Amino acid sequence: MEEATSQQEAILQKKGHGGRPCGSPTCNKVQGNLDENGDFIRLNIRCKNCLMEYYCSRTCREEAKDYHKAKCLQNQEEKRERRGKKMKQVACDTCKKRQPYTKMKKCSRCRSVTYCSEECQKQDWSRHKKDCHKLR
C-alpha cells in the first residue's frame, strides 16, 4: 500500500498538482489531488444545464445550484451565440437579409426558395408563383 501511495505522490509531483477545483464553494477538493483514502480526486460530474462546471459529487452539485445559477445562465447564452455563429448563413430571396439556415422559412410548395419572414414571402409570391410549379 505504501508503494502505491508513493507512486501516486510521484505522479502528482511530475504533473504538478493544482488542477480544476470542485464547483461547490463549500468543497475544497481539487482534480488530481489525493483524497483521505489515497485515491485521486476526479471531478467527473457536470452541471446539467451548461455542462461547463465540474463537481466531485452530486451532493456538491446540488449544494452549488444557487451559487452557480448566474454563471450557468451566462454560459448557456454564450453557447447559443457560438452555435449561431457556426450555423450556415443563407440570404432571403426577397430582401437579401442573411440569417442562419434554421431560422429561415421556405416556400411550402417547392421548398427551393428561402425567406426571412412571412412578409417577404407574401411580397415575393407574385414573382415566385410563375416558377414555383416548375420547381416542384
Protein backbone atom coordinates (compact mmCIF):
# COMPACT_ATOMS: atom_id res chain seq x y z
CA MET A 1 0.00 0.00 0.00
CA GLU A 2 2.86 2.37 0.80
CA GLU A 3 4.37 1.70 -2.64
CA ALA A 4 1.12 2.67 -4.35
CA THR A 5 0.88 5.89 -2.31
CA SER A 6 4.48 6.84 -3.07
CA GLN A 7 3.87 6.15 -6.78
CA GLN A 8 0.79 8.37 -6.70
CA GLU A 9 2.73 11.14 -4.95
CA ALA A 10 5.49 10.84 -7.56
CA ILE A 11 2.91 11.19 -10.33
CA LEU A 12 1.47 14.28 -8.63
CA GLN A 13 4.88 15.86 -8.36
CA LYS A 14 5.63 15.09 -12.00
CA LYS A 15 2.31 16.59 -13.16
CA GLY A 16 2.45 19.42 -10.69
CA HIS A 17 -0.84 19.38 -8.82
CA GLY A 18 -3.32 22.15 -8.71
CA GLY A 19 -5.97 21.17 -11.22
CA ARG A 20 -9.55 22.34 -11.52
CA PRO A 21 -11.32 22.88 -8.16
CA CYS A 22 -14.78 21.50 -7.39
CA GLY A 23 -17.51 23.99 -8.41
CA SER A 24 -19.09 23.98 -4.95
CA PRO A 25 -17.93 26.93 -2.82
CA THR A 26 -18.04 24.80 0.35
CA CYS A 27 -15.90 21.98 -1.09
CA ASN A 28 -12.12 22.35 -1.30
CA LYS A 29 -11.33 19.28 -3.41
CA VAL A 30 -9.11 19.75 -6.45
CA GLN A 31 -8.91 17.48 -9.50
CA GLY A 32 -5.77 15.35 -9.46
CA ASN A 33 -5.03 15.68 -5.75
CA LEU A 34 -5.24 12.73 -3.38
CA ASP A 35 -8.21 12.31 -1.05
CA GLU A 36 -8.07 10.94 2.50
CA ASN A 37 -8.05 7.34 1.18
CA GLY A 38 -5.08 7.97 -1.11
CA ASP A 39 -7.18 7.92 -4.30
CA PHE A 40 -7.01 10.59 -6.97
CA ILE A 41 -9.89 13.08 -6.90
CA ARG A 42 -11.81 13.16 -10.15
CA LEU A 43 -14.32 15.86 -10.95
CA ASN A 44 -16.50 13.91 -13.35
CA ILE A 45 -19.95 15.30 -12.54
CA ARG A 46 -21.00 18.31 -14.60
CA CYS A 47 -23.67 20.97 -14.30
CA LYS A 48 -26.79 19.56 -16.01
CA ASN A 49 -27.61 22.79 -17.84
CA CYS A 50 -24.40 24.43 -19.06
CA LEU A 51 -22.04 21.43 -18.84
CA MET A 52 -19.20 23.83 -18.01
CA GLU A 53 -18.81 23.45 -14.24
CA TYR A 54 -17.40 20.26 -12.70
CA TYR A 55 -18.15 18.77 -9.27
CA CYS A 56 -16.72 15.94 -7.19
CA SER A 57 -20.18 14.58 -6.26
CA ARG A 58 -23.89 15.03 -6.93
CA THR A 59 -24.22 16.44 -3.44
CA CYS A 60 -21.75 19.21 -4.25
CA ARG A 61 -23.63 19.92 -7.50
CA GLU A 62 -26.92 20.28 -5.62
CA GLU A 63 -25.33 22.48 -2.94
CA ALA A 64 -23.86 24.80 -5.56
CA LYS A 65 -27.03 25.14 -7.65
CA ASP A 66 -27.94 28.65 -6.40
CA TYR A 67 -24.31 29.77 -6.29
CA HIS A 68 -23.73 28.69 -9.91
CA LYS A 69 -27.09 29.85 -11.36
CA ALA A 70 -25.96 33.26 -12.73
CA LYS A 71 -22.77 31.85 -14.27
CA CYS A 72 -24.79 28.93 -15.70
CA LEU A 73 -27.23 31.25 -17.49
CA GLN A 74 -24.30 33.26 -18.87
CA ASN A 75 -22.60 30.05 -20.10
CA GLN A 76 -25.82 28.91 -21.81
CA GLU A 77 -26.21 32.26 -23.58
CA GLU A 78 -22.58 32.18 -24.77
CA LYS A 79 -23.13 28.64 -26.05
CA ARG A 80 -26.21 29.76 -28.04
CA GLU A 81 -24.21 32.64 -29.54
CA ARG A 82 -21.36 30.31 -30.56
CA ARG A 83 -23.83 27.92 -32.19
CA GLY A 84 -25.47 30.83 -34.01
CA LYS A 85 -22.13 31.92 -35.44
CA LYS A 86 -21.35 28.39 -36.62
CA MET A 87 -24.69 27.98 -38.42
CA LYS A 88 -24.75 28.25 -42.18
CA GLN A 89 -25.92 31.73 -43.22
CA VAL A 90 -28.49 32.00 -46.03
CA ALA A 91 -29.82 35.09 -47.81
CA CYS A 92 -33.53 35.86 -48.10
CA ASP A 93 -34.63 35.70 -51.75
CA THR A 94 -36.64 38.93 -51.37
CA CYS A 95 -34.67 41.36 -49.19
CA LYS A 96 -31.26 39.57 -49.25
CA LYS A 97 -31.05 39.70 -45.44
CA ARG A 98 -28.69 36.96 -44.14
CA GLN A 99 -29.74 34.68 -41.29
CA PRO A 100 -28.90 31.19 -40.05
CA TYR A 101 -30.47 28.50 -42.24
CA THR A 102 -32.55 27.14 -39.36
CA LYS A 103 -34.29 30.50 -38.83
CA MET A 104 -35.30 30.95 -42.45
CA LYS A 105 -38.68 29.97 -43.88
CA LYS A 106 -39.09 28.08 -47.14
CA CYS A 107 -41.78 28.06 -49.74
CA SER A 108 -44.05 25.26 -48.54
CA ARG A 109 -44.85 24.14 -52.07
CA CYS A 110 -41.45 23.85 -53.79
CA ARG A 111 -39.08 24.14 -50.78
CA SER A 112 -36.44 25.78 -53.01
CA VAL A 113 -36.84 29.46 -52.07
CA THR A 114 -35.95 30.90 -48.64
CA TYR A 115 -37.45 33.87 -46.86
CA CYS A 116 -36.64 35.65 -43.60
CA SER A 117 -40.33 36.33 -42.80
CA GLU A 118 -43.88 35.79 -43.98
CA GLU A 119 -43.98 39.40 -45.21
CA CYS A 120 -41.08 38.74 -47.59
CA GLN A 121 -42.75 35.55 -48.76
CA LYS A 122 -46.05 37.37 -49.49
CA GLN A 123 -44.21 40.22 -51.19
CA ASP A 124 -42.33 37.77 -53.47
CA TRP A 125 -45.30 35.50 -54.23
CA SER A 126 -46.35 37.30 -57.44
CA ARG A 127 -42.86 36.76 -58.90
CA HIS A 128 -42.27 33.28 -57.46
CA LYS A 129 -45.74 31.93 -58.36
CA LYS A 130 -44.74 31.53 -62.00
CA ASP A 131 -41.65 29.44 -61.19
CA CYS A 132 -42.98 27.55 -58.19
CA HIS A 133 -44.90 24.83 -60.03
CA LYS A 134 -41.91 24.25 -62.37
CA LEU A 135 -39.53 23.69 -59.42
CA ARG A 136 -41.69 21.01 -57.78
